[in-house]
Amino acid sequence: MADKTLICKDCGKEFVFTEGEQAFYKEKGFENEPQRCPDCRRAKKQQGNDRGYRQ
């Protein structure tokens, strides 16, 4: 497995999906690659927290 460069669907910036992250996703049973960069993922998660959702 090698690092992959992906494009964030929110901001359009490139980000690296590392080998370690890929192994973690596989271990957790996730089938899809991340669609958002880490910054946009944090922002999206924060939006959910602001609306009173709990995870």
Protein backbone atom coordinates (compact mmCIF):
# COMPACT_ATOMS: atom_id res chain seq x y z
CA MET A 1 0.00 0.00 0.00
CA ALA A 2 1.30 3.46 -0.84
CA ASP A 3 0.22 6.93 0.21
CA LYS A 4 -2.57 8.32 -1.99
CA THR A 5 -3.22 11.92 -2.93
CA LEU A 6 -6.94 12.72 -2.81
CA ILE A 7 -8.95 15.87 -3.55
CA CYS A 8 -11.23 17.32 -0.86
CA LYS A 9 -14.84 17.54 -2.03
CA ASP A 10 -15.44 20.69 0.07
CA CYS A 11 -12.40 22.91 -0.51
CA GLY A 12 -10.83 21.24 -3.57
CA LYS A 13 -7.35 21.03 -2.00
CA GLU A 14 -5.19 17.94 -2.32
CA PHE A 15 -4.46 15.92 0.81
CA VAL A 16 -2.52 12.73 1.47
CA PHE A 17 -4.29 9.55 2.60
CA THR A 18 -1.30 7.84 4.24
CA GLU A 19 -0.56 4.13 4.40
CA GLY A 20 -1.25 4.21 8.13
CA GLU A 21 -4.64 5.87 7.62
CA GLN A 22 -5.49 3.33 4.91
CA ALA A 23 -4.61 0.47 7.28
CA PHE A 24 -6.76 2.05 10.01
CA TYR A 25 -9.73 2.41 7.64
CA LYS A 26 -9.34 -1.21 6.54
CA GLU A 27 -9.07 -2.41 10.15
CA LYS A 28 -12.28 -0.57 11.03
CA GLY A 29 -14.07 -2.04 8.03
CA PHE A 30 -14.52 1.28 6.22
CA GLU A 31 -14.90 0.68 2.50
CA ASN A 32 -14.75 4.27 1.23
CA GLU A 33 -11.78 6.62 1.21
CA PRO A 34 -12.18 9.95 2.99
CA GLN A 35 -13.72 12.64 0.82
CA ARG A 36 -12.69 15.63 2.93
CA CYS A 37 -9.25 16.88 4.00
CA PRO A 38 -8.51 16.82 7.75
CA ASP A 39 -9.32 20.54 8.11
CA CYS A 40 -12.72 20.18 6.41
CA ARG A 41 -13.44 16.99 8.40
CA ARG A 42 -12.80 18.90 11.64
CA ALA A 43 -14.98 21.80 10.46
CA LYS A 44 -17.79 19.41 9.46
CA LYS A 45 -17.59 17.61 12.79
CA GLN A 46 -17.64 20.93 14.64
CA GLN A 47 -20.75 22.02 12.72
CA GLY A 48 -22.50 18.86 13.88
CA ASN A 49 -21.44 19.52 17.47
CA ASP A 50 -22.76 23.08 17.23
CA ARG A 51 -26.18 21.74 16.27
CA GLY A 52 -26.38 19.61 19.39
CA TYR A 53 -25.66 16.27 17.77
CA ARG A 54 -23.72 13.79 19.85
CA GLN A 55 -21.30 11.21 18.56
